[in-house]
Amino acid sequence: MKIMIINAMVPFIYGGAEFLVKSLSDKLIEYGYDVQIIRLPFSWWPIDNIIDGILAARLIKLDNVDMMIGFKFPTYLIPHENKKIWLIHQFRQAYDLADTEYDIFTQHSDNISEKYAKNIKQTIINVDNYYLKQLEGKIFTDSYITFNRLLKFNGIKSEVLFPPLVNETMFYTEKMGDYIFYPSRVDNLKRQYLAVEAMRYTKSKVKLVLTGKGGCTEDEENIFRLIEKYNISDKVTYINRFISDKEKYDFYACCLGVVFIPLDEDYGYITIEAFKSFKPVITCFDSGCPPLLVQHEKSGYIVNSTAQEIAAVMDMLYENTKNAIEMGQNANERLKELNINWETVIERLIH
């Protein structure tokens, strides 16, 4: 069977979605399928580019392809008679991020009228309602957060299918160090800035290691500005690049714990990677899926999204290493309970 996997892309940016697409492709090839990946360039700024993206998706023709698997908006709009969707997220600015600081439809450029911006937003909702409704029964979502969002805003049912790790045997653990690790694409929604601000309030000698790049250099520069502003360069290390897999495994293995505090994250591999590495996870009540996976004071900490509360649990991990080790062991057991595996994924997607 010839399978085409399609995802939207921002050039030179690699995050959880890209990792999932590559992982699925590798596993399908292992299972004997003929697989190719298409990364569809997509830009949402200025906002009228979104309409171009929708039209581009609808005009694509997939000849000589037995099956298509789509992921993010607008790839799931591409026509094919045998199509399934593993939905990572829709265009969230038209849904749960509307009327927030992340709502691009209220931040449009001066040469676009408010009415036109609203029309673009409504067009996104309309095409989702129309085309996704036709696929009901063939839509899988990567978490209960995505499941609930699709049901709430579009009235469309789906099946939750948690993404597994592709190289799970590579994760390991060593003696805990003195730092909290946060590996991620840098973005305001990932809230690395909040982790940096937390380091102002730590009372122990705990350190923070951030890694990753972003789609906007301003978000990266803001991290450096905060480190300088608060004079905490001795407490915070920001590695401004996407680290290698080997580096990532090693950082996980030797860290004291992991902080993962995005705003309303749909899934997030970081929690699963930390659990696989026997590390507790610090997350926030408003972080979406991670607090559904973390058990408070058992496999990590779930706190309010304030720098002071995050700092307090960072200190707790540093000051009680024995408890941190025990929570890391509980985290690994929690991962086993979740039963996230590729056999289930391929069975549901392909058959």
C-alpha atoms as a PDB file:
ATOM      1  CA  MET A   1       0.000   0.000   0.000  1.00  0.00           C
ATOM      2  CA  LYS A   2       1.267   3.476  -0.929  1.00  0.00           C
ATOM      3  CA  ILE A   3       0.632   5.917   1.906  1.00  0.00           C
ATOM      4  CA  MET A   4       1.120   9.673   1.729  1.00  0.00           C
ATOM      5  CA  ILE A   5       1.591  11.481   5.057  1.00  0.00           C
ATOM      6  CA  ILE A   6       0.985  15.227   4.858  1.00  0.00           C
ATOM      7  CA  ASN A   7       1.649  17.958   7.392  1.00  0.00           C
ATOM      8  CA  ALA A   8       1.784  21.744   7.316  1.00  0.00           C
ATOM      9  CA  MET A   9       5.160  23.349   7.910  1.00  0.00           C
ATOM     10  CA  VAL A  10       6.825  26.605   8.803  1.00  0.00           C
ATOM     11  CA  PRO A  11      10.199  26.515   7.018  1.00  0.00           C
ATOM     12  CA  PHE A  12      13.180  25.640   9.230  1.00  0.00           C
ATOM     13  CA  ILE A  13      11.014  24.953  12.302  1.00  0.00           C
ATOM     14  CA  TYR A  14      10.942  21.474  13.812  1.00  0.00           C
ATOM     15  CA  GLY A  15       8.705  20.573  16.738  1.00  0.00           C
ATOM     16  CA  GLY A  16       6.434  17.879  18.114  1.00  0.00           C
ATOM     17  CA  ALA A  17       4.261  17.715  14.996  1.00  0.00           C
ATOM     18  CA  GLU A  18       7.244  17.159  12.725  1.00  0.00           C
ATOM     19  CA  PHE A  19       8.585  14.559  15.126  1.00  0.00           C
ATOM     20  CA  LEU A  20       5.270  12.681  15.072  1.00  0.00           C
ATOM     21  CA  VAL A  21       5.063  12.697  11.266  1.00  0.00           C
ATOM     22  CA  LYS A  22       8.604  11.359  10.905  1.00  0.00           C
ATOM     23  CA  SER A  23       8.000   8.755  13.611  1.00  0.00           C
ATOM     24  CA  LEU A  24       4.816   7.495  11.958  1.00  0.00           C
ATOM     25  CA  SER A  25       6.559   7.285   8.590  1.00  0.00           C
ATOM     26  CA  ASP A  26       9.458   5.284  10.038  1.00  0.00           C
ATOM     27  CA  LYS A  27       7.131   2.862  11.795  1.00  0.00           C
ATOM     28  CA  LEU A  28       4.915   2.329   8.749  1.00  0.00           C
ATOM     29  CA  ILE A  29       8.013   1.561   6.687  1.00  0.00           C
ATOM     30  CA  GLU A  30       9.051  -0.959   9.346  1.00  0.00           C
ATOM     31  CA  TYR A  31       5.651  -2.592   8.909  1.00  0.00           C
ATOM     32  CA  GLY A  32       6.242  -2.927   5.168  1.00  0.00           C
ATOM     33  CA  TYR A  33       4.275   0.012   3.757  1.00  0.00           C
ATOM     34  CA  ASP A  34       5.479   2.309   0.981  1.00  0.00           C
ATOM     35  CA  VAL A  35       5.437   5.764   2.585  1.00  0.00           C
ATOM     36  CA  GLN A  36       6.267   9.322   1.579  1.00  0.00           C
ATOM     37  CA  ILE A  37       5.964  12.591   3.491  1.00  0.00           C
ATOM     38  CA  ILE A  38       4.799  15.900   2.057  1.00  0.00           C
ATOM     39  CA  ARG A  39       5.386  19.046   4.126  1.00  0.00           C
ATOM     40  CA  LEU A  40       3.015  21.725   2.873  1.00  0.00           C
ATOM     41  CA  PRO A  41       4.383  25.260   3.456  1.00  0.00           C
ATOM     42  CA  PHE A  42       1.815  27.322   5.297  1.00  0.00           C
ATOM     43  CA  SER A  43       1.920  30.947   6.443  1.00  0.00           C
ATOM     44  CA  TRP A  44      -0.698  32.748   8.535  1.00  0.00           C
ATOM     45  CA  TRP A  45       0.777  36.238   8.449  1.00  0.00           C
ATOM     46  CA  PRO A  46      -0.462  38.453   6.983  1.00  0.00           C
ATOM     47  CA  ILE A  47      -3.747  36.752   7.691  1.00  0.00           C
ATOM     48  CA  ASP A  48      -4.996  36.739   4.098  1.00  0.00           C
ATOM     49  CA  ASN A  49      -2.275  34.114   3.465  1.00  0.00           C
ATOM     50  CA  ILE A  50      -4.577  31.695   5.292  1.00  0.00           C
ATOM     51  CA  ILE A  51      -7.047  31.768   2.396  1.00  0.00           C
ATOM     52  CA  ASP A  52      -4.207  30.974  -0.006  1.00  0.00           C
ATOM     53  CA  GLY A  53      -3.301  28.012   2.195  1.00  0.00           C
ATOM     54  CA  ILE A  54      -6.851  26.676   2.105  1.00  0.00           C
ATOM     55  CA  LEU A  55      -7.027  27.005  -1.688  1.00  0.00           C
ATOM     56  CA  ALA A  56      -3.607  25.396  -2.114  1.00  0.00           C
ATOM     57  CA  ALA A  57      -4.717  22.386  -0.055  1.00  0.00           C
ATOM     58  CA  ARG A  58      -7.941  21.946  -2.011  1.00  0.00           C
ATOM     59  CA  LEU A  59      -6.087  22.121  -5.349  1.00  0.00           C
ATOM     60  CA  ILE A  60      -3.616  19.336  -4.524  1.00  0.00           C
ATOM     61  CA  LYS A  61      -4.217  16.083  -6.374  1.00  0.00           C
ATOM     62  CA  LEU A  62      -2.693  12.888  -5.010  1.00  0.00           C
ATOM     63  CA  ASP A  63      -2.387  10.508  -7.922  1.00  0.00           C
ATOM     64  CA  ASN A  64      -0.998   6.999  -7.465  1.00  0.00           C
ATOM     65  CA  VAL A  65      -1.644   7.145  -3.705  1.00  0.00           C
ATOM     66  CA  ASP A  66      -3.669   4.426  -1.963  1.00  0.00           C
ATOM     67  CA  MET A  67      -4.145   6.283   1.303  1.00  0.00           C
ATOM     68  CA  MET A  68      -3.594   9.745   2.744  1.00  0.00           C
ATOM     69  CA  ILE A  69      -3.012  10.639   6.390  1.00  0.00           C
ATOM     70  CA  GLY A  70      -3.359  14.332   7.238  1.00  0.00           C
ATOM     71  CA  PHE A  71      -2.406  16.189  10.407  1.00  0.00           C
ATOM     72  CA  LYS A  72      -2.614  19.942  10.979  1.00  0.00           C
ATOM     73  CA  PHE A  73      -4.709  22.614   9.272  1.00  0.00           C
ATOM     74  CA  PRO A  74      -4.959  22.974   6.303  1.00  0.00           C
ATOM     75  CA  THR A  75      -3.567  19.563   5.244  1.00  0.00           C
ATOM     76  CA  TYR A  76      -6.721  17.725   6.252  1.00  0.00           C
ATOM     77  CA  LEU A  77      -8.549  19.704   3.561  1.00  0.00           C
ATOM     78  CA  ILE A  78      -6.611  17.964   0.780  1.00  0.00           C
ATOM     79  CA  PRO A  79      -9.031  15.767  -1.206  1.00  0.00           C
ATOM     80  CA  HIS A  80      -8.569  11.996  -1.363  1.00  0.00           C
ATOM     81  CA  GLU A  81     -11.060   9.148  -1.446  1.00  0.00           C
ATOM     82  CA  ASN A  82      -9.184   7.152   1.216  1.00  0.00           C
ATOM     83  CA  LYS A  83      -8.242   9.708   3.860  1.00  0.00           C
ATOM     84  CA  LYS A  84      -7.756   9.549   7.606  1.00  0.00           C
ATOM     85  CA  ILE A  85      -6.828  12.381   9.931  1.00  0.00           C
ATOM     86  CA  TRP A  86      -4.585  12.234  12.991  1.00  0.00           C
ATOM     87  CA  LEU A  87      -5.463  15.694  14.208  1.00  0.00           C
ATOM     88  CA  ILE A  88      -2.768  17.458  16.203  1.00  0.00           C
ATOM     89  CA  HIS A  89      -4.645  20.725  16.246  1.00  0.00           C
ATOM     90  CA  GLN A  90      -6.812  22.953  14.129  1.00  0.00           C
ATOM     91  CA  PHE A  91      -6.081  26.615  13.524  1.00  0.00           C
ATOM     92  CA  ARG A  92      -6.479  27.443  17.191  1.00  0.00           C
ATOM     93  CA  GLN A  93      -6.617  31.224  16.778  1.00  0.00           C
ATOM     94  CA  ALA A  94     -10.088  30.721  15.298  1.00  0.00           C
ATOM     95  CA  TYR A  95     -11.190  28.636  18.272  1.00  0.00           C
ATOM     96  CA  ASP A  96      -9.884  28.457  21.835  1.00  0.00           C
ATOM     97  CA  LEU A  97      -7.311  31.223  21.296  1.00  0.00           C
ATOM     98  CA  ALA A  98      -9.912  33.677  19.999  1.00  0.00           C
ATOM     99  CA  ASP A  99     -10.118  36.889  22.025  1.00  0.00           C
ATOM    100  CA  THR A 100      -6.809  36.175  23.747  1.00  0.00           C
ATOM    101  CA  GLU A 101      -3.394  37.779  23.298  1.00  0.00           C
ATOM    102  CA  TYR A 102      -2.713  35.095  20.655  1.00  0.00           C
ATOM    103  CA  ASP A 103      -5.723  36.020  18.490  1.00  0.00           C
ATOM    104  CA  ILE A 104      -4.177  37.175  15.202  1.00  0.00           C
ATOM    105  CA  PHE A 105      -7.601  38.236  13.891  1.00  0.00           C
ATOM    106  CA  THR A 106      -7.595  41.153  16.328  1.00  0.00           C
ATOM    107  CA  GLN A 107      -3.949  41.982  15.552  1.00  0.00           C
ATOM    108  CA  HIS A 108      -4.242  42.251  11.781  1.00  0.00           C
ATOM    109  CA  SER A 109      -2.376  44.874   9.797  1.00  0.00           C
ATOM    110  CA  ASP A 110      -3.928  48.288   9.215  1.00  0.00           C
ATOM    111  CA  ASN A 111      -4.632  47.628   5.527  1.00  0.00           C
ATOM    112  CA  ILE A 112      -7.036  44.771   6.439  1.00  0.00           C
ATOM    113  CA  SER A 113     -10.451  45.756   7.738  1.00  0.00           C
ATOM    114  CA  GLU A 114     -11.974  44.252  10.874  1.00  0.00           C
ATOM    115  CA  LYS A 115     -14.811  42.834   8.760  1.00  0.00           C
ATOM    116  CA  TYR A 116     -12.360  41.104   6.388  1.00  0.00           C
ATOM    117  CA  ALA A 117     -10.437  39.634   9.332  1.00  0.00           C
ATOM    118  CA  LYS A 118     -13.677  38.247  10.772  1.00  0.00           C
ATOM    119  CA  ASN A 119     -14.569  36.789   7.360  1.00  0.00           C
ATOM    120  CA  ILE A 120     -11.232  34.944   7.202  1.00  0.00           C
ATOM    121  CA  LYS A 121     -11.807  33.543  10.676  1.00  0.00           C
ATOM    122  CA  GLN A 122     -15.321  32.415   9.751  1.00  0.00           C
ATOM    123  CA  THR A 123     -14.012  30.819   6.552  1.00  0.00           C
ATOM    124  CA  ILE A 124     -11.664  28.644   8.613  1.00  0.00           C
ATOM    125  CA  ILE A 125     -14.550  27.522  10.810  1.00  0.00           C
ATOM    126  CA  ASN A 126     -16.791  26.876   7.796  1.00  0.00           C
ATOM    127  CA  VAL A 127     -14.284  24.701   5.934  1.00  0.00           C
ATOM    128  CA  ASP A 128     -13.525  22.748   9.113  1.00  0.00           C
ATOM    129  CA  ASN A 129     -17.212  22.144   9.741  1.00  0.00           C
ATOM    130  CA  TYR A 130     -17.838  21.059   6.164  1.00  0.00           C
ATOM    131  CA  TYR A 131     -14.820  18.902   5.352  1.00  0.00           C
ATOM    132  CA  LEU A 132     -14.123  17.382   8.767  1.00  0.00           C
ATOM    133  CA  LYS A 133     -17.789  16.460   9.177  1.00  0.00           C
ATOM    134  CA  GLN A 134     -17.479  14.328   6.032  1.00  0.00           C
ATOM    135  CA  LEU A 135     -14.651  12.400   7.698  1.00  0.00           C
ATOM    136  CA  GLU A 136     -16.393  11.618  10.981  1.00  0.00           C
ATOM    137  CA  GLY A 137     -15.387   8.084  11.947  1.00  0.00           C
ATOM    138  CA  LYS A 138     -11.984   8.555  10.277  1.00  0.00           C
ATOM    139  CA  ILE A 139     -10.658  11.287  12.566  1.00  0.00           C
ATOM    140  CA  PHE A 140      -8.206  10.523  15.358  1.00  0.00           C
ATOM    141  CA  THR A 141      -7.024  13.138  17.835  1.00  0.00           C
ATOM    142  CA  ASP A 142      -3.706  13.131  19.673  1.00  0.00           C
ATOM    143  CA  SER A 143      -5.192  13.813  23.124  1.00  0.00           C
ATOM    144  CA  TYR A 144      -8.364  14.492  25.063  1.00  0.00           C
ATOM    145  CA  ILE A 145      -7.642  18.218  24.727  1.00  0.00           C
ATOM    146  CA  THR A 146      -7.841  18.037  20.928  1.00  0.00           C
ATOM    147  CA  PHE A 147     -10.815  15.673  21.173  1.00  0.00           C
ATOM    148  CA  ASN A 148     -12.761  18.077  23.388  1.00  0.00           C
ATOM    149  CA  ARG A 149     -11.873  21.130  21.287  1.00  0.00           C
ATOM    150  CA  LEU A 150     -13.120  19.519  18.082  1.00  0.00           C
ATOM    151  CA  LEU A 151     -16.326  18.398  19.793  1.00  0.00           C
ATOM    152  CA  LYS A 152     -16.933  21.725  21.520  1.00  0.00           C
ATOM    153  CA  PHE A 153     -16.358  24.060  18.592  1.00  0.00           C
ATOM    154  CA  ASN A 154     -17.379  21.890  15.624  1.00  0.00           C
ATOM    155  CA  GLY A 155     -19.647  19.219  17.100  1.00  0.00           C
ATOM    156  CA  ILE A 156     -17.479  16.525  15.499  1.00  0.00           C
ATOM    157  CA  LYS A 157     -16.577  13.275  17.245  1.00  0.00           C
ATOM    158  CA  SER A 158     -13.164  11.641  17.034  1.00  0.00           C
ATOM    159  CA  GLU A 159     -11.117   8.868  18.621  1.00  0.00           C
ATOM    160  CA  VAL A 160      -8.174   9.640  20.906  1.00  0.00           C
ATOM    161  CA  LEU A 161      -4.937   8.048  19.733  1.00  0.00           C
ATOM    162  CA  PHE A 162      -1.924   8.970  21.876  1.00  0.00           C
ATOM    163  CA  PRO A 163       1.353   9.332  19.910  1.00  0.00           C
ATOM    164  CA  PRO A 164       4.089   6.969  21.174  1.00  0.00           C
ATOM    165  CA  LEU A 165       7.812   7.667  21.296  1.00  0.00           C
ATOM    166  CA  VAL A 166       9.696   6.394  18.273  1.00  0.00           C
ATOM    167  CA  ASN A 167      13.066   5.698  19.923  1.00  0.00           C
ATOM    168  CA  GLU A 168      11.870   4.842  23.401  1.00  0.00           C
ATOM    169  CA  THR A 169      14.782   2.473  24.067  1.00  0.00           C
ATOM    170  CA  MET A 170      17.230   5.395  23.782  1.00  0.00           C
ATOM    171  CA  PHE A 171      15.921   7.158  26.884  1.00  0.00           C
ATOM    172  CA  TYR A 172      17.767   6.331  30.086  1.00  0.00           C
ATOM    173  CA  THR A 173      18.465   7.737  33.527  1.00  0.00           C
ATOM    174  CA  GLU A 174      21.591   8.660  35.468  1.00  0.00           C
ATOM    175  CA  LYS A 175      22.312  10.229  38.833  1.00  0.00           C
ATOM    176  CA  MET A 176      20.218  13.382  39.154  1.00  0.00           C
ATOM    177  CA  GLY A 177      22.025  16.653  38.569  1.00  0.00           C
ATOM    178  CA  ASP A 178      21.221  20.129  39.827  1.00  0.00           C
ATOM    179  CA  TYR A 179      19.185  21.436  36.892  1.00  0.00           C
ATOM    180  CA  ILE A 180      15.591  21.436  35.636  1.00  0.00           C
ATOM    181  CA  PHE A 181      15.359  20.723  31.901  1.00  0.00           C
ATOM    182  CA  TYR A 182      12.970  22.353  29.386  1.00  0.00           C
ATOM    183  CA  PRO A 183      13.503  21.208  25.756  1.00  0.00           C
ATOM    184  CA  SER A 184      11.007  22.662  23.297  1.00  0.00           C
ATOM    185  CA  ARG A 185      10.357  24.822  20.299  1.00  0.00           C
ATOM    186  CA  VAL A 186      10.517  28.354  21.656  1.00  0.00           C
ATOM    187  CA  ASP A 187       7.172  30.116  21.524  1.00  0.00           C
ATOM    188  CA  ASN A 188       5.061  32.363  23.728  1.00  0.00           C
ATOM    189  CA  LEU A 189       2.544  29.541  24.037  1.00  0.00           C
ATOM    190  CA  LYS A 190       5.273  27.254  25.390  1.00  0.00           C
ATOM    191  CA  ARG A 191       5.979  29.899  28.065  1.00  0.00           C
ATOM    192  CA  GLN A 192       9.708  29.409  28.449  1.00  0.00           C
ATOM    193  CA  TYR A 193       9.717  33.012  29.665  1.00  0.00           C
ATOM    194  CA  LEU A 194       7.686  31.904  32.691  1.00  0.00           C
ATOM    195  CA  ALA A 195      10.273  29.266  33.592  1.00  0.00           C
ATOM    196  CA  VAL A 196      12.989  31.944  33.361  1.00  0.00           C
ATOM    197  CA  GLU A 197      10.984  34.309  35.546  1.00  0.00           C
ATOM    198  CA  ALA A 198      10.560  31.505  38.107  1.00  0.00           C
ATOM    199  CA  MET A 199      14.325  31.399  38.544  1.00  0.00           C
ATOM    200  CA  ARG A 200      14.153  34.883  40.086  1.00  0.00           C
ATOM    201  CA  TYR A 201      12.326  33.388  43.039  1.00  0.00           C
ATOM    202  CA  THR A 202      14.186  30.135  43.660  1.00  0.00           C
ATOM    203  CA  LYS A 203      15.913  29.981  47.032  1.00  0.00           C
ATOM    204  CA  SER A 204      17.979  26.850  46.423  1.00  0.00           C
ATOM    205  CA  LYS A 205      20.916  26.358  44.061  1.00  0.00           C
ATOM    206  CA  VAL A 206      18.682  24.735  41.430  1.00  0.00           C
ATOM    207  CA  LYS A 207      19.448  25.657  37.814  1.00  0.00           C
ATOM    208  CA  LEU A 208      17.426  25.761  34.586  1.00  0.00           C
ATOM    209  CA  VAL A 209      18.510  24.515  31.148  1.00  0.00           C
ATOM    210  CA  LEU A 210      16.418  25.606  28.144  1.00  0.00           C
ATOM    211  CA  THR A 211      16.990  24.331  24.605  1.00  0.00           C
ATOM    212  CA  GLY A 212      15.355  25.100  21.278  1.00  0.00           C
ATOM    213  CA  LYS A 213      14.631  27.674  18.596  1.00  0.00           C
ATOM    214  CA  GLY A 214      11.422  29.380  17.593  1.00  0.00           C
ATOM    215  CA  GLY A 215       9.500  30.542  14.574  1.00  0.00           C
ATOM    216  CA  CYS A 216       9.958  34.111  15.777  1.00  0.00           C
ATOM    217  CA  THR A 217      13.404  35.372  16.765  1.00  0.00           C
ATOM    218  CA  GLU A 218      11.718  37.865  19.093  1.00  0.00           C
ATOM    219  CA  ASP A 219      10.657  34.993  21.393  1.00  0.00           C
ATOM    220  CA  GLU A 220      14.246  33.745  21.531  1.00  0.00           C
ATOM    221  CA  GLU A 221      15.650  37.222  22.119  1.00  0.00           C
ATOM    222  CA  ASN A 222      13.134  37.747  24.916  1.00  0.00           C
ATOM    223  CA  ILE A 223      14.637  34.819  26.840  1.00  0.00           C
ATOM    224  CA  PHE A 224      18.104  36.380  26.630  1.00  0.00           C
ATOM    225  CA  ARG A 225      16.666  39.756  27.672  1.00  0.00           C
ATOM    226  CA  LEU A 226      14.993  38.258  30.732  1.00  0.00           C
ATOM    227  CA  ILE A 227      18.158  36.446  31.787  1.00  0.00           C
ATOM    228  CA  GLU A 228      20.089  39.714  31.553  1.00  0.00           C
ATOM    229  CA  LYS A 229      17.316  41.798  33.126  1.00  0.00           C
ATOM    230  CA  TYR A 230      17.096  39.616  36.222  1.00  0.00           C
ATOM    231  CA  ASN A 231      20.862  38.984  36.355  1.00  0.00           C
ATOM    232  CA  ILE A 232      20.402  35.206  36.517  1.00  0.00           C
ATOM    233  CA  SER A 233      22.942  34.011  33.938  1.00  0.00           C
ATOM    234  CA  ASP A 234      24.507  31.862  36.665  1.00  0.00           C
ATOM    235  CA  LYS A 235      21.158  30.090  37.147  1.00  0.00           C
ATOM    236  CA  VAL A 236      19.778  29.836  33.596  1.00  0.00           C
ATOM    237  CA  THR A 237      21.418  28.327  30.516  1.00  0.00           C
ATOM    238  CA  TYR A 238      19.665  28.842  27.177  1.00  0.00           C
ATOM    239  CA  ILE A 239      21.024  26.706  24.332  1.00  0.00           C
ATOM    240  CA  ASN A 240      19.602  28.592  21.368  1.00  0.00           C
ATOM    241  CA  ARG A 241      19.353  25.701  18.887  1.00  0.00           C
ATOM    242  CA  PHE A 242      17.656  22.381  18.327  1.00  0.00           C
ATOM    243  CA  ILE A 243      19.884  19.922  20.132  1.00  0.00           C
ATOM    244  CA  SER A 244      20.738  16.473  18.753  1.00  0.00           C
ATOM    245  CA  ASP A 245      18.871  13.382  19.918  1.00  0.00           C
ATOM    246  CA  LYS A 246      21.973  12.226  21.781  1.00  0.00           C
ATOM    247  CA  GLU A 247      22.192  15.545  23.616  1.00  0.00           C
ATOM    248  CA  LYS A 248      18.511  15.369  24.460  1.00  0.00           C
ATOM    249  CA  TYR A 249      18.758  11.847  25.900  1.00  0.00           C
ATOM    250  CA  ASP A 250      21.757  12.896  27.992  1.00  0.00           C
ATOM    251  CA  PHE A 251      20.105  16.052  29.309  1.00  0.00           C
ATOM    252  CA  TYR A 252      17.023  14.068  30.310  1.00  0.00           C
ATOM    253  CA  ALA A 253      19.135  11.359  31.923  1.00  0.00           C
ATOM    254  CA  CYS A 254      21.041  13.719  34.201  1.00  0.00           C
ATOM    255  CA  CYS A 255      18.444  16.356  35.058  1.00  0.00           C
ATOM    256  CA  LEU A 256      16.740  16.736  38.398  1.00  0.00           C
ATOM    257  CA  GLY A 257      13.351  17.031  36.752  1.00  0.00           C
ATOM    258  CA  VAL A 258      11.580  18.502  33.743  1.00  0.00           C
ATOM    259  CA  VAL A 259       9.486  21.659  33.526  1.00  0.00           C
ATOM    260  CA  PHE A 260       6.802  21.721  30.836  1.00  0.00           C
ATOM    261  CA  ILE A 261       4.416  24.650  31.261  1.00  0.00           C
ATOM    262  CA  PRO A 262       2.812  25.496  27.885  1.00  0.00           C
ATOM    263  CA  LEU A 263      -0.599  27.118  27.643  1.00  0.00           C
ATOM    264  CA  ASP A 264      -3.258  24.502  26.853  1.00  0.00           C
ATOM    265  CA  GLU A 265      -0.917  22.032  25.119  1.00  0.00           C
ATOM    266  CA  ASP A 266      -2.728  19.430  23.021  1.00  0.00           C
ATOM    267  CA  TYR A 267      -0.311  16.613  23.878  1.00  0.00           C
ATOM    268  CA  GLY A 268       3.394  17.332  24.233  1.00  0.00           C
ATOM    269  CA  TYR A 269       6.076  14.658  23.882  1.00  0.00           C
ATOM    270  CA  ILE A 270       8.099  16.244  26.655  1.00  0.00           C
ATOM    271  CA  THR A 271       5.965  14.741  29.415  1.00  0.00           C
ATOM    272  CA  ILE A 272       6.277  11.254  27.904  1.00  0.00           C
ATOM    273  CA  GLU A 273      10.012  11.637  27.288  1.00  0.00           C
ATOM    274  CA  ALA A 274      10.539  12.742  30.887  1.00  0.00           C
ATOM    275  CA  PHE A 275       8.537   9.783  32.221  1.00  0.00           C
ATOM    276  CA  LYS A 276      10.568   7.420  30.040  1.00  0.00           C
ATOM    277  CA  SER A 277      13.726   8.933  31.554  1.00  0.00           C
ATOM    278  CA  PHE A 278      12.452   8.404  35.124  1.00  0.00           C
ATOM    279  CA  LYS A 279      12.078  12.145  35.722  1.00  0.00           C
ATOM    280  CA  PRO A 280       9.257  14.025  37.490  1.00  0.00           C
ATOM    281  CA  VAL A 281       7.484  16.777  35.558  1.00  0.00           C
ATOM    282  CA  ILE A 282       6.500  20.260  36.711  1.00  0.00           C
ATOM    283  CA  THR A 283       3.462  21.537  34.822  1.00  0.00           C
ATOM    284  CA  CYS A 284       0.550  23.947  35.293  1.00  0.00           C
ATOM    285  CA  PHE A 285      -3.185  23.541  35.703  1.00  0.00           C
ATOM    286  CA  ASP A 286      -3.775  25.462  32.442  1.00  0.00           C
ATOM    287  CA  SER A 287      -1.183  23.481  30.430  1.00  0.00           C
ATOM    288  CA  GLY A 288      -3.715  21.218  28.714  1.00  0.00           C
ATOM    289  CA  CYS A 289      -2.729  17.576  28.360  1.00  0.00           C
ATOM    290  CA  PRO A 290       0.374  17.428  30.639  1.00  0.00           C
ATOM    291  CA  PRO A 291      -1.617  17.890  33.891  1.00  0.00           C
ATOM    292  CA  LEU A 292      -3.859  15.028  32.776  1.00  0.00           C
ATOM    293  CA  LEU A 293      -0.797  12.769  32.641  1.00  0.00           C
ATOM    294  CA  VAL A 294       1.112  14.035  35.686  1.00  0.00           C
ATOM    295  CA  GLN A 295      -0.094  12.907  39.119  1.00  0.00           C
ATOM    296  CA  HIS A 296       0.450  15.736  41.588  1.00  0.00           C
ATOM    297  CA  GLU A 297       3.103  14.975  44.195  1.00  0.00           C
ATOM    298  CA  LYS A 298       3.408  11.437  42.817  1.00  0.00           C
ATOM    299  CA  SER A 299       4.971  11.785  39.353  1.00  0.00           C
ATOM    300  CA  GLY A 300       5.557  15.524  39.486  1.00  0.00           C
ATOM    301  CA  TYR A 301       3.868  18.776  40.441  1.00  0.00           C
ATOM    302  CA  ILE A 302       0.847  20.602  39.025  1.00  0.00           C
ATOM    303  CA  VAL A 303       0.790  24.265  40.053  1.00  0.00           C
ATOM    304  CA  ASN A 304      -0.746  27.569  39.078  1.00  0.00           C
ATOM    305  CA  SER A 305       0.986  29.346  36.223  1.00  0.00           C
ATOM    306  CA  THR A 306       2.871  31.837  38.361  1.00  0.00           C
ATOM    307  CA  ALA A 307       6.618  32.230  38.588  1.00  0.00           C
ATOM    308  CA  GLN A 308       6.497  31.999  42.374  1.00  0.00           C
ATOM    309  CA  GLU A 309       4.667  28.647  42.489  1.00  0.00           C
ATOM    310  CA  ILE A 310       6.882  27.138  39.802  1.00  0.00           C
ATOM    311  CA  ALA A 311       9.958  28.322  41.705  1.00  0.00           C
ATOM    312  CA  ALA A 312       8.688  26.731  44.914  1.00  0.00           C
ATOM    313  CA  VAL A 313       8.386  23.235  43.405  1.00  0.00           C
ATOM    314  CA  MET A 314      11.735  23.613  41.641  1.00  0.00           C
ATOM    315  CA  ASP A 315      13.226  24.192  45.078  1.00  0.00           C
ATOM    316  CA  MET A 316      11.363  21.181  46.468  1.00  0.00           C
ATOM    317  CA  LEU A 317      12.918  18.902  43.842  1.00  0.00           C
ATOM    318  CA  TYR A 318      16.385  20.268  44.569  1.00  0.00           C
ATOM    319  CA  GLU A 319      16.066  20.048  48.339  1.00  0.00           C
ATOM    320  CA  ASN A 320      14.658  16.508  48.418  1.00  0.00           C
ATOM    321  CA  THR A 321      16.517  14.426  45.852  1.00  0.00           C
ATOM    322  CA  LYS A 322      15.257  11.188  47.380  1.00  0.00           C
ATOM    323  CA  ASN A 323      11.667  12.245  46.777  1.00  0.00           C
ATOM    324  CA  ALA A 324      12.543  13.407  43.241  1.00  0.00           C
ATOM    325  CA  ILE A 325      13.963   9.951  42.465  1.00  0.00           C
ATOM    326  CA  GLU A 326      10.841   8.274  43.833  1.00  0.00           C
ATOM    327  CA  MET A 327       8.580  10.523  41.752  1.00  0.00           C
ATOM    328  CA  GLY A 328      10.685   9.707  38.687  1.00  0.00           C
ATOM    329  CA  GLN A 329      10.092   6.011  39.283  1.00  0.00           C
ATOM    330  CA  ASN A 330       6.369   6.669  39.675  1.00  0.00           C
ATOM    331  CA  ALA A 331       6.440   8.633  36.420  1.00  0.00           C
ATOM    332  CA  ASN A 332       7.899   5.670  34.556  1.00  0.00           C
ATOM    333  CA  GLU A 333       5.213   3.379  36.013  1.00  0.00           C
ATOM    334  CA  ARG A 334       2.569   5.891  34.949  1.00  0.00           C
ATOM    335  CA  LEU A 335       3.840   5.655  31.378  1.00  0.00           C
ATOM    336  CA  LYS A 336       3.353   1.887  31.432  1.00  0.00           C
ATOM    337  CA  GLU A 337      -0.219   2.338  32.680  1.00  0.00           C
ATOM    338  CA  LEU A 338      -1.070   4.599  29.740  1.00  0.00           C
ATOM    339  CA  ASN A 339      -0.264   1.763  27.285  1.00  0.00           C
ATOM    340  CA  ILE A 340       0.867   4.063  24.458  1.00  0.00           C
ATOM    341  CA  ASN A 341       2.320   1.931  21.651  1.00  0.00           C
ATOM    342  CA  TRP A 342       2.781   1.833  17.871  1.00  0.00           C
ATOM    343  CA  GLU A 343       0.904  -1.440  17.375  1.00  0.00           C
ATOM    344  CA  THR A 344      -2.326   0.235  18.468  1.00  0.00           C
ATOM    345  CA  VAL A 345      -1.648   3.316  16.349  1.00  0.00           C
ATOM    346  CA  ILE A 346      -1.041   1.394  13.127  1.00  0.00           C
ATOM    347  CA  GLU A 347      -3.991  -0.920  13.713  1.00  0.00           C
ATOM    348  CA  ARG A 348      -6.375   2.024  14.116  1.00  0.00           C
ATOM    349  CA  LEU A 349      -4.959   4.244  11.355  1.00  0.00           C
ATOM    350  CA  ILE A 350      -4.488   1.693   8.613  1.00  0.00           C
ATOM    351  CA  HIS A 351      -7.119  -0.975   9.145  1.00  0.00           C
END
